[in-house]
């Protein structure tokens, strides 16, 4: 069961302070959409407005083409999973799962069927007689998700549900929630500040900043063609390197001066003028320590720190122009105090003084 959601000119104010600024967004039936952004960007507020836990100051919320601005939270067909498990400590897992259905007078046979079905999906059938204190963090989160499943909602909302888990459990639960979405097929909206969670789980990512949408797209769209410097720096781990540069020549190839080196980027770019100050973005994984055909030299890099992660080596350093950068190399290696960095100009992203991505001219 999946449902379309549409936000039209969505606004939220707390008193005179506007925190959500006229957002327009469409979520297709069955999509797994992730709201991502730094703390204070409005992602949880937006989720709570959809859930009915926060009032809507302006605009319209449509669920299955029905305007639901004034519809009570309980009547919207939504189930929400929070960062806090919020389980009843004196109840067994079974009772925690069944309690919400019991309070609305569902028949016992129907309750048992729904609880056992949720337990089967989440593989917690062997835990039904335990109490929350006897469960691990991951098991408690499964119970919290199960409590949402038994309601058979049209839409699932997740508000940073993995924040309380350790790193290994976070990875495991990411996989389990993604598999849950594939099995159920419901529309799901997931809020996180962790861009790795967004990249690995989402069908569509909504990047938010200060109550505005910066970009909407698939994970690879945002990675490959970020709309602006903010998205480019937020999506990708480790984050993109940014270098101050100046336009020295425009045409079929656009040439930049970067720390005194001429960097030709093989594409015509609209709206750039000779002498204009820009930023060039290069992802750490697109920098190499050995030259390949067609690559340009970024110059000598002074190594400041090296992290050996087993399957990958991270090199932190500075260019000859004192610009910071990160180089990500596959495998294990030992870099010297000075290294040469190379990159393919086609991998470069260019941003104007406002932070907007400069696209290739048509």
Foldseek 3Di string as FASTA:
>chain_A
DWKKKWWAQWWDDDVPRTQAGGDTDIDDTLFEEEEAEDPSLCPVVVLCQLLQNGQTPDTFMDINNHTCRPPHNVPQLEDEFEQDLPFDQVAFLLCSLQVVVVVVPDDPVLSVVLLVVLCVLLVCPVRRGDGPVVDDPLSSLSSSVSSRRSSVGQEYEYEANCPPDDPVSVVVVLVSVLVVSVVPSHHYYYYDNDLVSNLVRGQKYFYGGSNYTQDIDHLVCLQQPNFFQVSQQSHDPPGKFKFKWFFADADCWTWIQTVNDIDTQRFGWPPDDGGAIKIKIAHQAQKDQDDDPQKDWQAKWFFDDWDDPAQKIKTWTAHPVRGTDIHIGGHDDDDDRITIIIGHSNRMWMAHPVGGTTDGDD
